[in-house]
Amino acid sequence: MNEPATVPPPQPRSLNSALERNIDALERRRREDEERAPLEGRVAEAITRSVGSMLFVYLSLALIALWVAANLGWIPGVPRFDQEFVILATIASVAAIFLSAFVLVAQNRMATAADRRAELDLQISLLVEHEVTRVVSLVSAIADKLGVSHGDDVEELKHDVAPEAVLDAIDTTEQKPRGDLDPRG
């Protein structure tokens, strides 16, 4: 049996210059956005990164284990200072309140960044769609000039997509009850 030849992945220097420029621009913008972020947001993100690590889990587990061991009297010479674990429960509750707030702040920042990336994607997609429409028109005109026949759908492809019409169609579809989504009309 002949196995298909495997093609090695492209080397990093094989990227074209436009792609490298775009990657550099996006990375530069990401760094600028991080630098412009308010102090509160940067602090919340740093805390969220820290508490979202396994090191934090291990340290928390060790601290709680020591607390419990000390208050069960398992560590000789260490007085039992929280026999009912009320202090531990209070500390855990307060920490949970603050940690959830930090996580929400960080998630809000990430959602804002994701929204910006989605907007950029949409703008690029609309630009590409417009450019492809123009290319289809040019190729169709060349085909007509050379007497080459093309498919019937080319005329439809020559028209720009109106984003508003697409959004209206999506809204209409979302408002229909589930039973009305029969693809046959």
C-alpha atoms as a PDB file:
ATOM      1  CA  MET A   1       0.000   0.000   0.000  1.00  0.00           C
ATOM      2  CA  ASN A   2       1.281   3.395  -0.905  1.00  0.00           C
ATOM      3  CA  GLU A   3       0.846   5.978   1.780  1.00  0.00           C
ATOM      4  CA  PRO A   4       0.187   9.531   0.631  1.00  0.00           C
ATOM      5  CA  ALA A   5       3.209  11.777   0.835  1.00  0.00           C
ATOM      6  CA  THR A   6       3.033  14.183   3.714  1.00  0.00           C
ATOM      7  CA  VAL A   7       3.687  17.786   2.980  1.00  0.00           C
ATOM      8  CA  PRO A   8       5.670  19.566   5.660  1.00  0.00           C
ATOM      9  CA  PRO A   9       4.027  22.625   7.163  1.00  0.00           C
ATOM     10  CA  PRO A  10       5.119  25.938   5.690  1.00  0.00           C
ATOM     11  CA  GLN A  11       7.984  27.635   7.404  1.00  0.00           C
ATOM     12  CA  PRO A  12       7.238  30.893   9.281  1.00  0.00           C
ATOM     13  CA  ARG A  13       9.214  32.957   6.759  1.00  0.00           C
ATOM     14  CA  SER A  14       6.918  31.724   3.985  1.00  0.00           C
ATOM     15  CA  LEU A  15       4.153  34.169   4.960  1.00  0.00           C
ATOM     16  CA  ASN A  16       3.588  36.887   2.429  1.00  0.00           C
ATOM     17  CA  SER A  17       4.458  40.451   3.377  1.00  0.00           C
ATOM     18  CA  ALA A  18       0.819  41.606   3.565  1.00  0.00           C
ATOM     19  CA  LEU A  19      -0.006  38.866   6.048  1.00  0.00           C
ATOM     20  CA  GLU A  20       3.058  39.664   8.159  1.00  0.00           C
ATOM     21  CA  ARG A  21       2.121  43.365   8.102  1.00  0.00           C
ATOM     22  CA  ASN A  22      -1.446  42.532   9.202  1.00  0.00           C
ATOM     23  CA  ILE A  23      -0.248  40.292  12.031  1.00  0.00           C
ATOM     24  CA  ASP A  24       2.146  43.014  13.210  1.00  0.00           C
ATOM     25  CA  ALA A  25      -0.589  45.662  13.033  1.00  0.00           C
ATOM     26  CA  LEU A  26      -3.049  43.537  15.027  1.00  0.00           C
ATOM     27  CA  GLU A  27      -0.423  42.718  17.671  1.00  0.00           C
ATOM     28  CA  ARG A  28       0.596  46.386  17.922  1.00  0.00           C
ATOM     29  CA  ARG A  29      -3.066  47.388  18.354  1.00  0.00           C
ATOM     30  CA  ARG A  30      -3.582  44.710  21.038  1.00  0.00           C
ATOM     31  CA  ARG A  31      -0.578  46.039  22.992  1.00  0.00           C
ATOM     32  CA  GLU A  32      -1.788  49.638  22.613  1.00  0.00           C
ATOM     33  CA  ASP A  33      -5.247  48.652  23.867  1.00  0.00           C
ATOM     34  CA  GLU A  34      -3.693  46.915  26.875  1.00  0.00           C
ATOM     35  CA  GLU A  35      -1.597  50.003  27.659  1.00  0.00           C
ATOM     36  CA  ARG A  36      -4.633  52.306  27.386  1.00  0.00           C
ATOM     37  CA  ALA A  37      -6.781  50.089  29.590  1.00  0.00           C
ATOM     38  CA  PRO A  38      -7.755  51.708  32.891  1.00  0.00           C
ATOM     39  CA  LEU A  39      -5.796  50.658  35.965  1.00  0.00           C
ATOM     40  CA  GLU A  40      -8.860  48.966  37.470  1.00  0.00           C
ATOM     41  CA  GLY A  41      -9.282  46.792  34.390  1.00  0.00           C
ATOM     42  CA  ARG A  42      -5.615  45.817  34.308  1.00  0.00           C
ATOM     43  CA  VAL A  43      -5.684  44.943  38.010  1.00  0.00           C
ATOM     44  CA  ALA A  44      -8.851  42.872  37.616  1.00  0.00           C
ATOM     45  CA  GLU A  45      -7.357  41.047  34.640  1.00  0.00           C
ATOM     46  CA  ALA A  46      -4.103  40.325  36.503  1.00  0.00           C
ATOM     47  CA  ILE A  47      -6.031  38.991  39.497  1.00  0.00           C
ATOM     48  CA  THR A  48      -8.255  36.886  37.255  1.00  0.00           C
ATOM     49  CA  ARG A  49      -5.197  35.450  35.493  1.00  0.00           C
ATOM     50  CA  SER A  50      -3.619  34.630  38.864  1.00  0.00           C
ATOM     51  CA  VAL A  51      -6.663  32.994  40.439  1.00  0.00           C
ATOM     52  CA  GLY A  52      -7.336  31.134  37.219  1.00  0.00           C
ATOM     53  CA  SER A  53      -4.058  29.242  37.511  1.00  0.00           C
ATOM     54  CA  MET A  54      -3.335  25.834  38.982  1.00  0.00           C
ATOM     55  CA  LEU A  55      -0.780  27.452  41.291  1.00  0.00           C
ATOM     56  CA  PHE A  56      -3.632  29.367  42.943  1.00  0.00           C
ATOM     57  CA  VAL A  57      -5.626  26.141  43.284  1.00  0.00           C
ATOM     58  CA  TYR A  58      -2.670  24.354  44.892  1.00  0.00           C
ATOM     59  CA  LEU A  59      -1.917  27.242  47.262  1.00  0.00           C
ATOM     60  CA  SER A  60      -5.584  27.531  48.245  1.00  0.00           C
ATOM     61  CA  LEU A  61      -5.809  23.811  48.843  1.00  0.00           C
ATOM     62  CA  ALA A  62      -2.657  23.848  50.984  1.00  0.00           C
ATOM     63  CA  LEU A  63      -3.845  26.853  53.004  1.00  0.00           C
ATOM     64  CA  ILE A  64      -7.279  25.344  53.628  1.00  0.00           C
ATOM     65  CA  ALA A  65      -5.716  21.990  54.554  1.00  0.00           C
ATOM     66  CA  LEU A  66      -3.416  23.702  57.064  1.00  0.00           C
ATOM     67  CA  TRP A  67      -6.336  25.721  58.463  1.00  0.00           C
ATOM     68  CA  VAL A  68      -8.461  22.607  58.882  1.00  0.00           C
ATOM     69  CA  ALA A  69      -5.583  20.565  60.339  1.00  0.00           C
ATOM     70  CA  ALA A  70      -4.762  23.326  62.844  1.00  0.00           C
ATOM     71  CA  ASN A  71      -8.365  23.711  63.922  1.00  0.00           C
ATOM     72  CA  LEU A  72      -8.913  19.985  64.290  1.00  0.00           C
ATOM     73  CA  GLY A  73      -5.911  19.896  66.635  1.00  0.00           C
ATOM     74  CA  TRP A  74      -3.779  17.774  64.299  1.00  0.00           C
ATOM     75  CA  ILE A  75      -0.781  20.152  64.429  1.00  0.00           C
ATOM     76  CA  PRO A  76       0.875  20.001  67.872  1.00  0.00           C
ATOM     77  CA  GLY A  77       1.626  23.353  69.433  1.00  0.00           C
ATOM     78  CA  VAL A  78      -0.760  25.289  67.202  1.00  0.00           C
ATOM     79  CA  PRO A  79      -3.798  26.590  69.057  1.00  0.00           C
ATOM     80  CA  ARG A  80      -7.263  25.943  67.647  1.00  0.00           C
ATOM     81  CA  PHE A  81      -8.441  29.418  66.638  1.00  0.00           C
ATOM     82  CA  ASP A  82     -11.485  28.564  64.471  1.00  0.00           C
ATOM     83  CA  GLN A  83     -12.978  25.389  65.860  1.00  0.00           C
ATOM     84  CA  GLU A  84     -16.333  25.875  64.134  1.00  0.00           C
ATOM     85  CA  PHE A  85     -14.695  27.057  60.871  1.00  0.00           C
ATOM     86  CA  VAL A  86     -16.780  30.244  60.924  1.00  0.00           C
ATOM     87  CA  ILE A  87     -13.787  32.443  60.144  1.00  0.00           C
ATOM     88  CA  LEU A  88     -12.760  30.168  57.263  1.00  0.00           C
ATOM     89  CA  ALA A  89     -16.300  30.229  55.839  1.00  0.00           C
ATOM     90  CA  THR A  90     -16.441  34.026  56.140  1.00  0.00           C
ATOM     91  CA  ILE A  91     -13.073  34.493  54.452  1.00  0.00           C
ATOM     92  CA  ALA A  92     -14.071  32.072  51.672  1.00  0.00           C
ATOM     93  CA  SER A  93     -17.380  33.887  51.132  1.00  0.00           C
ATOM     94  CA  VAL A  94     -15.806  37.335  50.969  1.00  0.00           C
ATOM     95  CA  ALA A  95     -13.060  36.047  48.662  1.00  0.00           C
ATOM     96  CA  ALA A  96     -15.692  34.481  46.397  1.00  0.00           C
ATOM     97  CA  ILE A  97     -17.563  37.788  46.173  1.00  0.00           C
ATOM     98  CA  PHE A  98     -14.443  39.700  45.157  1.00  0.00           C
ATOM     99  CA  LEU A  99     -13.155  37.002  42.814  1.00  0.00           C
ATOM    100  CA  SER A 100     -16.463  36.829  40.981  1.00  0.00           C
ATOM    101  CA  ALA A 101     -16.420  40.619  40.595  1.00  0.00           C
ATOM    102  CA  PHE A 102     -12.865  40.511  39.207  1.00  0.00           C
ATOM    103  CA  VAL A 103     -13.851  37.727  36.804  1.00  0.00           C
ATOM    104  CA  LEU A 104     -16.867  39.731  35.595  1.00  0.00           C
ATOM    105  CA  VAL A 105     -14.731  42.825  35.002  1.00  0.00           C
ATOM    106  CA  ALA A 106     -12.215  40.757  33.034  1.00  0.00           C
ATOM    107  CA  GLN A 107     -15.006  39.058  31.065  1.00  0.00           C
ATOM    108  CA  ASN A 108     -16.511  42.433  30.189  1.00  0.00           C
ATOM    109  CA  ARG A 109     -13.141  43.565  28.836  1.00  0.00           C
ATOM    110  CA  MET A 110     -12.779  40.347  26.855  1.00  0.00           C
ATOM    111  CA  ALA A 111     -16.311  40.717  25.489  1.00  0.00           C
ATOM    112  CA  THR A 112     -15.538  44.271  24.367  1.00  0.00           C
ATOM    113  CA  ALA A 113     -12.384  43.061  22.603  1.00  0.00           C
ATOM    114  CA  ALA A 114     -14.324  40.188  21.007  1.00  0.00           C
ATOM    115  CA  ASP A 115     -16.993  42.644  19.810  1.00  0.00           C
ATOM    116  CA  ARG A 116     -14.291  44.800  18.212  1.00  0.00           C
ATOM    117  CA  ARG A 117     -12.757  41.772  16.487  1.00  0.00           C
ATOM    118  CA  ALA A 118     -16.195  40.693  15.252  1.00  0.00           C
ATOM    119  CA  GLU A 119     -16.823  44.205  13.896  1.00  0.00           C
ATOM    120  CA  LEU A 120     -13.456  44.106  12.124  1.00  0.00           C
ATOM    121  CA  ASP A 121     -14.296  40.669  10.691  1.00  0.00           C
ATOM    122  CA  LEU A 122     -17.640  41.963   9.452  1.00  0.00           C
ATOM    123  CA  GLN A 123     -16.103  45.034   7.836  1.00  0.00           C
ATOM    124  CA  ILE A 124     -13.444  42.934   6.109  1.00  0.00           C
ATOM    125  CA  SER A 125     -16.048  40.407   4.959  1.00  0.00           C
ATOM    126  CA  LEU A 126     -18.210  43.185   3.515  1.00  0.00           C
ATOM    127  CA  LEU A 127     -15.207  44.666   1.737  1.00  0.00           C
ATOM    128  CA  VAL A 128     -14.202  41.268   0.337  1.00  0.00           C
ATOM    129  CA  GLU A 129     -17.772  40.601  -0.788  1.00  0.00           C
ATOM    130  CA  HIS A 130     -17.836  43.956  -2.588  1.00  0.00           C
ATOM    131  CA  GLU A 131     -14.484  43.269  -4.247  1.00  0.00           C
ATOM    132  CA  VAL A 132     -15.545  39.773  -5.329  1.00  0.00           C
ATOM    133  CA  THR A 133     -18.759  41.227  -6.771  1.00  0.00           C
ATOM    134  CA  ARG A 134     -16.677  43.649  -8.835  1.00  0.00           C
ATOM    135  CA  VAL A 135     -14.370  40.837  -9.993  1.00  0.00           C
ATOM    136  CA  VAL A 136     -17.411  38.748 -11.027  1.00  0.00           C
ATOM    137  CA  SER A 137     -18.706  41.732 -13.020  1.00  0.00           C
ATOM    138  CA  LEU A 138     -15.345  42.204 -14.744  1.00  0.00           C
ATOM    139  CA  VAL A 139     -14.926  38.511 -15.540  1.00  0.00           C
ATOM    140  CA  SER A 140     -18.505  38.365 -16.805  1.00  0.00           C
ATOM    141  CA  ALA A 141     -17.849  41.366 -19.078  1.00  0.00           C
ATOM    142  CA  ILE A 142     -14.661  39.726 -20.375  1.00  0.00           C
ATOM    143  CA  ALA A 143     -16.558  36.455 -20.963  1.00  0.00           C
ATOM    144  CA  ASP A 144     -19.274  38.369 -22.850  1.00  0.00           C
ATOM    145  CA  LYS A 145     -16.646  40.160 -24.954  1.00  0.00           C
ATOM    146  CA  LEU A 146     -14.973  36.844 -25.815  1.00  0.00           C
ATOM    147  CA  GLY A 147     -18.283  35.129 -26.467  1.00  0.00           C
ATOM    148  CA  VAL A 148     -17.818  32.628 -23.632  1.00  0.00           C
ATOM    149  CA  SER A 149     -21.044  31.503 -22.007  1.00  0.00           C
ATOM    150  CA  HIS A 150     -21.418  31.552 -18.245  1.00  0.00           C
ATOM    151  CA  GLY A 151     -23.973  30.257 -15.789  1.00  0.00           C
ATOM    152  CA  ASP A 152     -27.336  31.854 -15.169  1.00  0.00           C
ATOM    153  CA  ASP A 153     -26.424  32.758 -11.595  1.00  0.00           C
ATOM    154  CA  VAL A 154     -23.703  35.201 -12.682  1.00  0.00           C
ATOM    155  CA  GLU A 155     -26.188  38.080 -13.007  1.00  0.00           C
ATOM    156  CA  GLU A 156     -27.222  37.549  -9.405  1.00  0.00           C
ATOM    157  CA  LEU A 157     -23.576  37.432  -8.287  1.00  0.00           C
ATOM    158  CA  LYS A 158     -22.903  40.814  -9.916  1.00  0.00           C
ATOM    159  CA  HIS A 159     -25.050  42.598  -7.313  1.00  0.00           C
ATOM    160  CA  ASP A 160     -23.647  43.720  -3.968  1.00  0.00           C
ATOM    161  CA  VAL A 161     -25.175  42.151  -0.898  1.00  0.00           C
ATOM    162  CA  ALA A 162     -26.999  44.729   1.197  1.00  0.00           C
ATOM    163  CA  PRO A 163     -26.130  44.059   4.866  1.00  0.00           C
ATOM    164  CA  GLU A 164     -29.392  45.696   5.948  1.00  0.00           C
ATOM    165  CA  ALA A 165     -31.410  43.235   3.854  1.00  0.00           C
ATOM    166  CA  VAL A 166     -29.511  40.296   5.339  1.00  0.00           C
ATOM    167  CA  LEU A 167     -30.088  41.582   8.881  1.00  0.00           C
ATOM    168  CA  ASP A 168     -33.795  42.105   8.130  1.00  0.00           C
ATOM    169  CA  ALA A 169     -34.048  38.533   6.809  1.00  0.00           C
ATOM    170  CA  ILE A 170     -32.316  37.200   9.914  1.00  0.00           C
ATOM    171  CA  ASP A 171     -34.646  39.200  12.164  1.00  0.00           C
ATOM    172  CA  THR A 172     -37.685  37.914  10.267  1.00  0.00           C
ATOM    173  CA  THR A 173     -36.464  34.326  10.535  1.00  0.00           C
ATOM    174  CA  GLU A 174     -35.744  34.667  14.264  1.00  0.00           C
ATOM    175  CA  GLN A 175     -39.244  36.043  14.912  1.00  0.00           C
ATOM    176  CA  LYS A 176     -41.010  33.111  13.231  1.00  0.00           C
ATOM    177  CA  PRO A 177     -42.264  30.337  15.519  1.00  0.00           C
ATOM    178  CA  ARG A 178     -40.180  27.158  15.127  1.00  0.00           C
ATOM    179  CA  GLY A 179     -42.938  25.368  13.199  1.00  0.00           C
ATOM    180  CA  ASP A 180     -42.886  28.071  10.489  1.00  0.00           C
ATOM    181  CA  LEU A 181     -39.299  27.374   9.454  1.00  0.00           C
ATOM    182  CA  ASP A 182     -40.271  24.851   6.782  1.00  0.00           C
ATOM    183  CA  PRO A 183     -37.639  25.324   4.027  1.00  0.00           C
ATOM    184  CA  ARG A 184     -40.252  24.646   1.326  1.00  0.00           C
ATOM    185  CA  GLY A 185     -41.993  27.881   2.192  1.00  0.00           C
END
